[in-house]
Amino acid sequence: MTFFLIGLILFLGYFFSKALNAREFALQVVRRHCEKLELQWLDECVALTGFWIKRDSYGKLQPWRAYAFEFSVTGMERYKGRLVMLGYIVTTIELEPYKDL
């Protein structure tokens, strides 16, 4: 029983560490994408909206994560964006239609 609990704690620590690394990667991706499009990234945060285990193109199981974020063109309005990753591969970045200046 003790070995099971220790193993469970170690697994949860590993899973939490990987989740934090993936979130940091998502923050960097969204920051660069908004800078490239000259958009203001609001609140400078991403929110995990979906998590699943899927197979990549090589058949290997990878965590699939979807993150939501908000951006603005002028700072007066808020638009929604979505980032989808499979492992550390960005599969989709979607931006709500916005009015360009």
PDB file of N, CA and C in Angstrom:
ATOM      1  N   MET A   1       0.827  -1.196   0.000  1.00  0.00           N
ATOM      2  CA  MET A   1       0.000   0.000   0.000  1.00  0.00           C
ATOM      3  C   MET A   1       0.871   1.261   0.000  1.00  0.00           C
ATOM      4  N   THR A   2       1.962   1.243   0.767  1.00  0.00           N
ATOM      5  CA  THR A   2       2.845   2.401   0.839  1.00  0.00           C
ATOM      6  C   THR A   2       3.503   2.674  -0.513  1.00  0.00           C
ATOM      7  N   PHE A   3       3.937   1.603  -1.197  1.00  0.00           N
ATOM      8  CA  PHE A   3       4.565   1.775  -2.506  1.00  0.00           C
ATOM      9  C   PHE A   3       3.570   2.351  -3.516  1.00  0.00           C
ATOM     10  N   PHE A   4       2.327   1.925  -3.415  1.00  0.00           N
ATOM     11  CA  PHE A   4       1.296   2.450  -4.305  1.00  0.00           C
ATOM     12  C   PHE A   4       1.117   3.950  -4.082  1.00  0.00           C
ATOM     13  N   LEU A   5       1.037   4.389  -2.853  1.00  0.00           N
ATOM     14  CA  LEU A   5       0.864   5.808  -2.546  1.00  0.00           C
ATOM     15  C   LEU A   5       2.069   6.630  -3.006  1.00  0.00           C
ATOM     16  N   ILE A   6       3.251   6.109  -2.781  1.00  0.00           N
ATOM     17  CA  ILE A   6       4.462   6.814  -3.229  1.00  0.00           C
ATOM     18  C   ILE A   6       4.473   6.920  -4.756  1.00  0.00           C
ATOM     19  N   GLY A   7       4.126   5.833  -5.425  1.00  0.00           N
ATOM     20  CA  GLY A   7       4.057   5.846  -6.885  1.00  0.00           C
ATOM     21  C   GLY A   7       3.005   6.821  -7.395  1.00  0.00           C
ATOM     22  N   LEU A   8       1.869   6.854  -6.736  1.00  0.00           N
ATOM     23  CA  LEU A   8       0.805   7.769  -7.123  1.00  0.00           C
ATOM     24  C   LEU A   8       1.237   9.224  -6.940  1.00  0.00           C
ATOM     25  N   ILE A   9       1.895   9.518  -5.846  1.00  0.00           N
ATOM     26  CA  ILE A   9       2.377  10.883  -5.588  1.00  0.00           C
ATOM     27  C   ILE A   9       3.423  11.280  -6.623  1.00  0.00           C
ATOM     28  N   LEU A  10       4.321  10.382  -6.947  1.00  0.00           N
ATOM     29  CA  LEU A  10       5.341  10.667  -7.963  1.00  0.00           C
ATOM     30  C   LEU A  10       4.709  10.895  -9.336  1.00  0.00           C
ATOM     31  N   PHE A  11       3.729  10.061  -9.683  1.00  0.00           N
ATOM     32  CA  PHE A  11       3.042  10.224 -10.969  1.00  0.00           C
ATOM     33  C   PHE A  11       2.318  11.564 -11.031  1.00  0.00           C
ATOM     34  N   LEU A  12       1.618  11.930  -9.982  1.00  0.00           N
ATOM     35  CA  LEU A  12       0.901  13.207  -9.958  1.00  0.00           C
ATOM     36  C   LEU A  12       1.868  14.384 -10.038  1.00  0.00           C
ATOM     37  N   GLY A  13       3.008  14.285  -9.381  1.00  0.00           N
ATOM     38  CA  GLY A  13       4.018  15.335  -9.463  1.00  0.00           C
ATOM     39  C   GLY A  13       4.564  15.471 -10.879  1.00  0.00           C
ATOM     40  N   TYR A  14       4.826  14.350 -11.521  1.00  0.00           N
ATOM     41  CA  TYR A  14       5.309  14.350 -12.907  1.00  0.00           C
ATOM     42  C   TYR A  14       4.265  14.947 -13.841  1.00  0.00           C
ATOM     43  N   PHE A  15       3.002  14.532 -13.674  1.00  0.00           N
ATOM     44  CA  PHE A  15       1.911  15.033 -14.508  1.00  0.00           C
ATOM     45  C   PHE A  15       1.742  16.543 -14.325  1.00  0.00           C
ATOM     46  N   PHE A  16       1.801  17.017 -13.095  1.00  0.00           N
ATOM     47  CA  PHE A  16       1.665  18.448 -12.799  1.00  0.00           C
ATOM     48  C   PHE A  16       2.821  19.237 -13.413  1.00  0.00           C
ATOM     49  N   SER A  17       4.025  18.705 -13.332  1.00  0.00           N
ATOM     50  CA  SER A  17       5.194  19.354 -13.909  1.00  0.00           C
ATOM     51  C   SER A  17       5.055  19.479 -15.425  1.00  0.00           C
ATOM     52  N   LYS A  18       4.623  18.413 -16.083  1.00  0.00           N
ATOM     53  CA  LYS A  18       4.425  18.437 -17.533  1.00  0.00           C
ATOM     54  C   LYS A  18       3.328  19.422 -17.922  1.00  0.00           C
ATOM     55  N   ALA A  19       2.270  19.495 -17.120  1.00  0.00           N
ATOM     56  CA  ALA A  19       1.176  20.427 -17.395  1.00  0.00           C
ATOM     57  C   ALA A  19       1.662  21.872 -17.300  1.00  0.00           C
ATOM     58  N   LEU A  20       2.502  22.172 -16.316  1.00  0.00           N
ATOM     59  CA  LEU A  20       3.048  23.526 -16.184  1.00  0.00           C
ATOM     60  C   LEU A  20       3.970  23.868 -17.348  1.00  0.00           C
ATOM     61  N   ASN A  21       4.785  22.910 -17.776  1.00  0.00           N
ATOM     62  CA  ASN A  21       5.666  23.136 -18.929  1.00  0.00           C
ATOM     63  C   ASN A  21       4.860  23.404 -20.196  1.00  0.00           C
ATOM     64  N   ALA A  22       3.788  22.651 -20.396  1.00  0.00           N
ATOM     65  CA  ALA A  22       2.944  22.844 -21.577  1.00  0.00           C
ATOM     66  C   ALA A  22       2.262  24.210 -21.532  1.00  0.00           C
ATOM     67  N   ARG A  23       1.832  24.637 -20.355  1.00  0.00           N
ATOM     68  CA  ARG A  23       1.199  25.953 -20.216  1.00  0.00           C
ATOM     69  C   ARG A  23       2.196  27.070 -20.532  1.00  0.00           C
ATOM     70  N   GLU A  24       3.420  26.938 -20.040  1.00  0.00           N
ATOM     71  CA  GLU A  24       4.453  27.941 -20.336  1.00  0.00           C
ATOM     72  C   GLU A  24       4.731  28.007 -21.836  1.00  0.00           C
ATOM     73  N   PHE A  25       4.762  26.856 -22.487  1.00  0.00           N
ATOM     74  CA  PHE A  25       4.957  26.818 -23.932  1.00  0.00           C
ATOM     75  C   PHE A  25       3.795  27.516 -24.638  1.00  0.00           C
ATOM     76  N   ALA A  26       2.560  27.255 -24.184  1.00  0.00           N
ATOM     77  CA  ALA A  26       1.382  27.893 -24.772  1.00  0.00           C
ATOM     78  C   ALA A  26       1.441  29.409 -24.587  1.00  0.00           C
ATOM     79  N   LEU A  27       1.896  29.877 -23.440  1.00  0.00           N
ATOM     80  CA  LEU A  27       2.033  31.319 -23.202  1.00  0.00           C
ATOM     81  C   LEU A  27       2.995  31.940 -24.212  1.00  0.00           C
ATOM     82  N   GLN A  28       4.114  31.289 -24.454  1.00  0.00           N
ATOM     83  CA  GLN A  28       5.094  31.798 -25.413  1.00  0.00           C
ATOM     84  C   GLN A  28       4.527  31.833 -26.833  1.00  0.00           C
ATOM     85  N   VAL A  29       3.797  30.795 -27.209  1.00  0.00           N
ATOM     86  CA  VAL A  29       3.224  30.722 -28.553  1.00  0.00           C
ATOM     87  C   VAL A  29       2.214  31.843 -28.763  1.00  0.00           C
ATOM     88  N   VAL A  30       1.331  32.045 -27.798  1.00  0.00           N
ATOM     89  CA  VAL A  30       0.310  33.087 -27.926  1.00  0.00           C
ATOM     90  C   VAL A  30       0.962  34.467 -27.939  1.00  0.00           C
ATOM     91  N   ARG A  31       1.948  34.676 -27.090  1.00  0.00           N
ATOM     92  CA  ARG A  31       2.653  35.968 -27.059  1.00  0.00           C
ATOM     93  C   ARG A  31       3.273  36.283 -28.425  1.00  0.00           C
ATOM     94  N   ARG A  32       3.993  35.325 -28.990  1.00  0.00           N
ATOM     95  CA  ARG A  32       4.627  35.537 -30.296  1.00  0.00           C
ATOM     96  C   ARG A  32       3.601  35.756 -31.405  1.00  0.00           C
ATOM     97  N   HIS A  33       2.507  35.001 -31.359  1.00  0.00           N
ATOM     98  CA  HIS A  33       1.484  35.124 -32.394  1.00  0.00           C
ATOM     99  C   HIS A  33       0.829  36.510 -32.351  1.00  0.00           C
ATOM    100  N   CYS A  34       0.505  36.982 -31.160  1.00  0.00           N
ATOM    101  CA  CYS A  34      -0.103  38.312 -31.029  1.00  0.00           C
ATOM    102  C   CYS A  34       0.877  39.406 -31.448  1.00  0.00           C
ATOM    103  N   GLU A  35       2.141  39.263 -31.088  1.00  0.00           N
ATOM    104  CA  GLU A  35       3.149  40.253 -31.498  1.00  0.00           C
ATOM    105  C   GLU A  35       3.286  40.286 -33.016  1.00  0.00           C
ATOM    106  N   LYS A  36       3.283  39.115 -33.637  1.00  0.00           N
ATOM    107  CA  LYS A  36       3.433  39.022 -35.082  1.00  0.00           C
ATOM    108  C   LYS A  36       2.279  39.721 -35.812  1.00  0.00           C
ATOM    109  N   LEU A  37       1.063  39.598 -35.259  1.00  0.00           N
ATOM    110  CA  LEU A  37      -0.112  40.209 -35.875  1.00  0.00           C
ATOM    111  C   LEU A  37      -0.397  41.610 -35.344  1.00  0.00           C
ATOM    112  N   GLU A  38       0.496  42.112 -34.481  1.00  0.00           N
ATOM    113  CA  GLU A  38       0.355  43.435 -33.863  1.00  0.00           C
ATOM    114  C   GLU A  38      -0.969  43.571 -33.102  1.00  0.00           C
ATOM    115  N   LEU A  39      -1.284  42.551 -32.321  1.00  0.00           N
ATOM    116  CA  LEU A  39      -2.471  42.544 -31.470  1.00  0.00           C
ATOM    117  C   LEU A  39      -2.049  42.667 -30.018  1.00  0.00           C
ATOM    118  N   GLN A  40      -2.950  43.173 -29.199  1.00  0.00           N
ATOM    119  CA  GLN A  40      -2.693  43.244 -27.759  1.00  0.00           C
ATOM    120  C   GLN A  40      -3.224  41.966 -27.121  1.00  0.00           C
ATOM    121  N   TRP A  41      -2.373  41.268 -26.437  1.00  0.00           N
ATOM    122  CA  TRP A  41      -2.766  40.051 -25.731  1.00  0.00           C
ATOM    123  C   TRP A  41      -3.258  40.477 -24.362  1.00  0.00           C
ATOM    124  N   LEU A  42      -4.539  40.296 -24.105  1.00  0.00           N
ATOM    125  CA  LEU A  42      -5.146  40.783 -22.876  1.00  0.00           C
ATOM    126  C   LEU A  42      -4.913  39.812 -21.720  1.00  0.00           C
ATOM    127  N   ASP A  43      -4.640  40.353 -20.563  1.00  0.00           N
ATOM    128  CA  ASP A  43      -4.441  39.607 -19.315  1.00  0.00           C
ATOM    129  C   ASP A  43      -3.202  38.711 -19.322  1.00  0.00           C
ATOM    130  N   GLU A  44      -2.556  38.567 -20.462  1.00  0.00           N
ATOM    131  CA  GLU A  44      -1.367  37.726 -20.611  1.00  0.00           C
ATOM    132  C   GLU A  44      -1.514  36.365 -19.930  1.00  0.00           C
ATOM    133  N   CYS A  45      -2.636  35.707 -20.226  1.00  0.00           N
ATOM    134  CA  CYS A  45      -2.851  34.382 -19.660  1.00  0.00           C
ATOM    135  C   CYS A  45      -3.562  33.498 -20.682  1.00  0.00           C
ATOM    136  N   VAL A  46      -3.465  32.213 -20.463  1.00  0.00           N
ATOM    137  CA  VAL A  46      -4.209  31.223 -21.235  1.00  0.00           C
ATOM    138  C   VAL A  46      -4.950  30.340 -20.233  1.00  0.00           C
ATOM    139  N   ALA A  47      -6.113  29.874 -20.636  1.00  0.00           N
ATOM    140  CA  ALA A  47      -6.920  29.015 -19.772  1.00  0.00           C
ATOM    141  C   ALA A  47      -7.130  27.671 -20.455  1.00  0.00           C
ATOM    142  N   LEU A  48      -6.802  26.611 -19.751  1.00  0.00           N
ATOM    143  CA  LEU A  48      -6.987  25.266 -20.290  1.00  0.00           C
ATOM    144  C   LEU A  48      -8.489  24.993 -20.413  1.00  0.00           C
ATOM    145  N   THR A  49      -8.944  24.703 -21.630  1.00  0.00           N
ATOM    146  CA  THR A  49     -10.360  24.435 -21.847  1.00  0.00           C
ATOM    147  C   THR A  49     -10.634  22.992 -22.252  1.00  0.00           C
ATOM    148  N   GLY A  50      -9.588  22.255 -22.591  1.00  0.00           N
ATOM    149  CA  GLY A  50      -9.781  20.865 -22.971  1.00  0.00           C
ATOM    150  C   GLY A  50      -8.501  20.067 -22.822  1.00  0.00           C
ATOM    151  N   PHE A  51      -8.655  18.810 -22.431  1.00  0.00           N
ATOM    152  CA  PHE A  51      -7.513  17.910 -22.291  1.00  0.00           C
ATOM    153  C   PHE A  51      -7.967  16.516 -22.696  1.00  0.00           C
ATOM    154  N   TRP A  52      -7.139  15.850 -23.500  1.00  0.00           N
ATOM    155  CA  TRP A  52      -7.444  14.504 -23.942  1.00  0.00           C
ATOM    156  C   TRP A  52      -6.141  13.827 -24.319  1.00  0.00           C
ATOM    157  N   ILE A  53      -6.170  12.536 -24.456  1.00  0.00           N
ATOM    158  CA  ILE A  53      -5.009  11.782 -24.939  1.00  0.00           C
ATOM    159  C   ILE A  53      -5.338  11.313 -26.359  1.00  0.00           C
ATOM    160  N   LYS A  54      -4.494  11.705 -27.316  1.00  0.00           N
ATOM    161  CA  LYS A  54      -4.705  11.331 -28.715  1.00  0.00           C
ATOM    162  C   LYS A  54      -3.394  10.826 -29.306  1.00  0.00           C
ATOM    163  N   ARG A  55      -3.495  10.176 -30.444  1.00  0.00           N
ATOM    164  CA  ARG A  55      -2.310   9.686 -31.152  1.00  0.00           C
ATOM    165  C   ARG A  55      -1.825  10.738 -32.142  1.00  0.00           C
ATOM    166  N   ASP A  56      -0.503  10.887 -32.199  1.00  0.00           N
ATOM    167  CA  ASP A  56       0.063  11.805 -33.186  1.00  0.00           C
ATOM    168  C   ASP A  56       0.211  11.080 -34.527  1.00  0.00           C
ATOM    169  N   SER A  57       0.846  11.724 -35.496  1.00  0.00           N
ATOM    170  CA  SER A  57       0.971  11.135 -36.833  1.00  0.00           C
ATOM    171  C   SER A  57       1.851   9.886 -36.848  1.00  0.00           C
ATOM    172  N   TYR A  58       2.633   9.673 -35.786  1.00  0.00           N
ATOM    173  CA  TYR A  58       3.476   8.486 -35.685  1.00  0.00           C
ATOM    174  C   TYR A  58       2.810   7.365 -34.882  1.00  0.00           C
ATOM    175  N   GLY A  59       1.591   7.615 -34.395  1.00  0.00           N
ATOM    176  CA  GLY A  59       0.875   6.620 -33.612  1.00  0.00           C
ATOM    177  C   GLY A  59       1.191   6.654 -32.127  1.00  0.00           C
ATOM    178  N   LYS A  60       2.005   7.609 -31.692  1.00  0.00           N
ATOM    179  CA  LYS A  60       2.384   7.721 -30.279  1.00  0.00           C
ATOM    180  C   LYS A  60       1.314   8.515 -29.519  1.00  0.00           C
ATOM    181  N   LEU A  61       0.974   8.048 -28.324  1.00  0.00           N
ATOM    182  CA  LEU A  61      -0.001   8.760 -27.511  1.00  0.00           C
ATOM    183  C   LEU A  61       0.598  10.065 -26.995  1.00  0.00           C
ATOM    184  N   GLN A  62      -0.138  11.159 -27.174  1.00  0.00           N
ATOM    185  CA  GLN A  62       0.310  12.484 -26.759  1.00  0.00           C
ATOM    186  C   GLN A  62      -0.857  13.199 -26.065  1.00  0.00           C
ATOM    187  N   PRO A  63      -0.546  14.094 -25.142  1.00  0.00           N
ATOM    188  CA  PRO A  63      -1.629  14.891 -24.560  1.00  0.00           C
ATOM    189  C   PRO A  63      -2.108  15.948 -25.559  1.00  0.00           C
ATOM    190  N   TRP A  64      -3.411  16.033 -25.731  1.00  0.00           N
ATOM    191  CA  TRP A  64      -4.035  17.051 -26.568  1.00  0.00           C
ATOM    192  C   TRP A  64      -4.601  18.110 -25.624  1.00  0.00           C
ATOM    193  N   ARG A  65      -4.212  19.353 -25.843  1.00  0.00           N
ATOM    194  CA  ARG A  65      -4.662  20.428 -24.963  1.00  0.00           C
ATOM    195  C   ARG A  65      -5.226  21.574 -25.788  1.00  0.00           C
ATOM    196  N   ALA A  66      -6.299  22.183 -25.283  1.00  0.00           N
ATOM    197  CA  ALA A  66      -6.866  23.378 -25.905  1.00  0.00           C
ATOM    198  C   ALA A  66      -6.842  24.486 -24.857  1.00  0.00           C
ATOM    199  N   TYR A  67      -6.384  25.659 -25.264  1.00  0.00           N
ATOM    200  CA  TYR A  67      -6.299  26.818 -24.387  1.00  0.00           C
ATOM    201  C   TYR A  67      -7.089  27.977 -24.991  1.00  0.00           C
ATOM    202  N   ALA A  68      -7.735  28.764 -24.139  1.00  0.00           N
ATOM    203  CA  ALA A  68      -8.440  29.966 -24.574  1.00  0.00           C
ATOM    204  C   ALA A  68      -7.653  31.185 -24.104  1.00  0.00           C
ATOM    205  N   PHE A  69      -7.734  32.257 -24.895  1.00  0.00           N
ATOM    206  CA  PHE A  69      -7.103  33.519 -24.508  1.00  0.00           C
ATOM    207  C   PHE A  69      -7.905  34.644 -25.128  1.00  0.00           C
ATOM    208  N   GLU A  70      -7.623  35.867 -24.722  1.00  0.00           N
ATOM    209  CA  GLU A  70      -8.318  37.032 -25.259  1.00  0.00           C
ATOM    210  C   GLU A  70      -7.309  38.033 -25.796  1.00  0.00           C
ATOM    211  N   PHE A  71      -7.727  38.748 -26.844  1.00  0.00           N
ATOM    212  CA  PHE A  71      -6.854  39.741 -27.458  1.00  0.00           C
ATOM    213  C   PHE A  71      -7.684  40.944 -27.880  1.00  0.00           C
ATOM    214  N   SER A  72      -6.995  42.003 -28.258  1.00  0.00           N
ATOM    215  CA  SER A  72      -7.652  43.229 -28.681  1.00  0.00           C
ATOM    216  C   SER A  72      -6.820  43.886 -29.775  1.00  0.00           C
ATOM    217  N   VAL A  73      -7.477  44.721 -30.573  1.00  0.00           N
ATOM    218  CA  VAL A  73      -6.773  45.485 -31.588  1.00  0.00           C
ATOM    219  C   VAL A  73      -6.413  46.857 -31.026  1.00  0.00           C
ATOM    220  N   THR A  74      -7.375  47.505 -30.385  1.00  0.00           N
ATOM    221  CA  THR A  74      -7.169  48.870 -29.886  1.00  0.00           C
ATOM    222  C   THR A  74      -7.125  48.945 -28.366  1.00  0.00           C
ATOM    223  N   GLY A  75      -7.507  47.890 -27.688  1.00  0.00           N
ATOM    224  CA  GLY A  75      -7.590  47.920 -26.229  1.00  0.00           C
ATOM    225  C   GLY A  75      -8.983  48.234 -25.731  1.00  0.00           C
ATOM    226  N   MET A  76      -9.886  48.578 -26.636  1.00  0.00           N
ATOM    227  CA  MET A  76     -11.253  48.937 -26.252  1.00  0.00           C
ATOM    228  C   MET A  76     -12.217  47.747 -26.351  1.00  0.00           C
ATOM    229  N   GLU A  77     -11.868  46.733 -27.096  1.00  0.00           N
ATOM    230  CA  GLU A  77     -12.746  45.587 -27.280  1.00  0.00           C
ATOM    231  C   GLU A  77     -11.987  44.307 -26.931  1.00  0.00           C
ATOM    232  N   ARG A  78     -12.736  43.231 -26.712  1.00  0.00           N
ATOM    233  CA  ARG A  78     -12.133  41.942 -26.385  1.00  0.00           C
ATOM    234  C   ARG A  78     -12.593  40.907 -27.404  1.00  0.00           C
ATOM    235  N   TYR A  79     -11.626  40.163 -27.917  1.00  0.00           N
ATOM    236  CA  TYR A  79     -11.918  39.062 -28.828  1.00  0.00           C
ATOM    237  C   TYR A  79     -11.326  37.790 -28.247  1.00  0.00           C
ATOM    238  N   LYS A  80     -11.905  36.673 -28.624  1.00  0.00           N
ATOM    239  CA  LYS A  80     -11.445  35.389 -28.102  1.00  0.00           C
ATOM    240  C   LYS A  80     -10.540  34.686 -29.101  1.00  0.00           C
ATOM    241  N   GLY A  81      -9.578  33.957 -28.559  1.00  0.00           N
ATOM    242  CA  GLY A  81      -8.689  33.144 -29.371  1.00  0.00           C
ATOM    243  C   GLY A  81      -8.591  31.752 -28.771  1.00  0.00           C
ATOM    244  N   ARG A  82      -8.110  30.812 -29.567  1.00  0.00           N
ATOM    245  CA  ARG A  82      -7.982  29.424 -29.113  1.00  0.00           C
ATOM    246  C   ARG A  82      -6.699  28.836 -29.676  1.00  0.00           C
ATOM    247  N   LEU A  83      -5.968  28.160 -28.825  1.00  0.00           N
ATOM    248  CA  LEU A  83      -4.730  27.471 -29.201  1.00  0.00           C
ATOM    249  C   LEU A  83      -4.918  25.990 -28.918  1.00  0.00           C
ATOM    250  N   VAL A  84      -4.596  25.147 -29.892  1.00  0.00           N
ATOM    251  CA  VAL A  84      -4.693  23.693 -29.717  1.00  0.00           C
ATOM    252  C   VAL A  84      -3.319  23.099 -29.959  1.00  0.00           C
ATOM    253  N   MET A  85      -2.894  22.230 -29.039  1.00  0.00           N
ATOM    254  CA  MET A  85      -1.589  21.578 -29.143  1.00  0.00           C
ATOM    255  C   MET A  85      -1.750  20.071 -28.976  1.00  0.00           C
ATOM    256  N   LEU A  86      -0.930  19.331 -29.705  1.00  0.00           N
ATOM    257  CA  LEU A  86      -0.811  17.893 -29.525  1.00  0.00           C
ATOM    258  C   LEU A  86       0.619  17.650 -29.096  1.00  0.00           C
ATOM    259  N   GLY A  87       0.801  17.331 -27.829  1.00  0.00           N
ATOM    260  CA  GLY A  87       2.145  17.305 -27.258  1.00  0.00           C
ATOM    261  C   GLY A  87       2.637  18.738 -27.220  1.00  0.00           C
ATOM    262  N   TYR A  88       3.787  18.990 -27.835  1.00  0.00           N
ATOM    263  CA  TYR A  88       4.300  20.358 -27.936  1.00  0.00           C
ATOM    264  C   TYR A  88       4.243  20.864 -29.378  1.00  0.00           C
ATOM    265  N   ILE A  89       3.376  20.268 -30.166  1.00  0.00           N
ATOM    266  CA  ILE A  89       3.162  20.695 -31.548  1.00  0.00           C
ATOM    267  C   ILE A  89       1.874  21.520 -31.590  1.00  0.00           C
ATOM    268  N   VAL A  90       1.981  22.744 -32.091  1.00  0.00           N
ATOM    269  CA  VAL A  90       0.801  23.593 -32.236  1.00  0.00           C
ATOM    270  C   VAL A  90       0.046  23.126 -33.472  1.00  0.00           C
ATOM    271  N   THR A  91      -1.198  22.702 -33.284  1.00  0.00           N
ATOM    272  CA  THR A  91      -1.996  22.243 -34.417  1.00  0.00           C
ATOM    273  C   THR A  91      -2.920  23.336 -34.943  1.00  0.00           C
ATOM    274  N   THR A  92      -3.384  24.220 -34.061  1.00  0.00           N
ATOM    275  CA  THR A  92      -4.326  25.259 -34.475  1.00  0.00           C
ATOM    276  C   THR A  92      -4.189  26.491 -33.594  1.00  0.00           C
ATOM    277  N   ILE A  93      -4.237  27.652 -34.240  1.00  0.00           N
ATOM    278  CA  ILE A  93      -4.441  28.905 -33.523  1.00  0.00           C
ATOM    279  C   ILE A  93      -5.605  29.587 -34.226  1.00  0.00           C
ATOM    280  N   GLU A  94      -6.708  29.744 -33.507  1.00  0.00           N
ATOM    281  CA  GLU A  94      -7.903  30.357 -34.068  1.00  0.00           C
ATOM    282  C   GLU A  94      -8.139  31.703 -33.400  1.00  0.00           C
ATOM    283  N   LEU A  95      -8.474  32.697 -34.196  1.00  0.00           N
ATOM    284  CA  LEU A  95      -8.813  34.014 -33.680  1.00  0.00           C
ATOM    285  C   LEU A  95     -10.223  34.359 -34.124  1.00  0.00           C
ATOM    286  N   GLU A  96     -11.006  34.875 -33.180  1.00  0.00           N
ATOM    287  CA  GLU A  96     -12.333  35.358 -33.512  1.00  0.00           C
ATOM    288  C   GLU A  96     -12.198  36.491 -34.528  1.00  0.00           C
ATOM    289  N   PRO A  97     -13.105  36.595 -35.488  1.00  0.00           N
ATOM    290  CA  PRO A  97     -13.009  37.703 -36.456  1.00  0.00           C
ATOM    291  C   PRO A  97     -12.978  39.049 -35.732  1.00  0.00           C
ATOM    292  N   TYR A  98     -12.039  39.896 -36.130  1.00  0.00           N
ATOM    293  CA  TYR A  98     -11.888  41.196 -35.477  1.00  0.00           C
ATOM    294  C   TYR A  98     -11.761  42.286 -36.520  1.00  0.00           C
ATOM    295  N   LYS A  99     -12.069  43.493 -36.076  1.00  0.00           N
ATOM    296  CA  LYS A  99     -11.998  44.664 -36.947  1.00  0.00           C
ATOM    297  C   LYS A  99     -10.567  45.185 -36.948  1.00  0.00           C
ATOM    298  N   ASP A 100      -9.949  45.179 -38.127  1.00  0.00           N
ATOM    299  CA  ASP A 100      -8.572  45.657 -38.248  1.00  0.00           C
ATOM    300  C   ASP A 100      -8.583  47.175 -38.448  1.00  0.00           C
ATOM    301  N   LEU A 101      -7.534  47.823 -37.976  1.00  0.00           N
ATOM    302  CA  LEU A 101      -7.465  49.287 -38.109  1.00  0.00           C
ATOM    303  C   LEU A 101      -7.101  49.713 -39.492  1.00  0.00           C
TER     304      LEU A 101
END
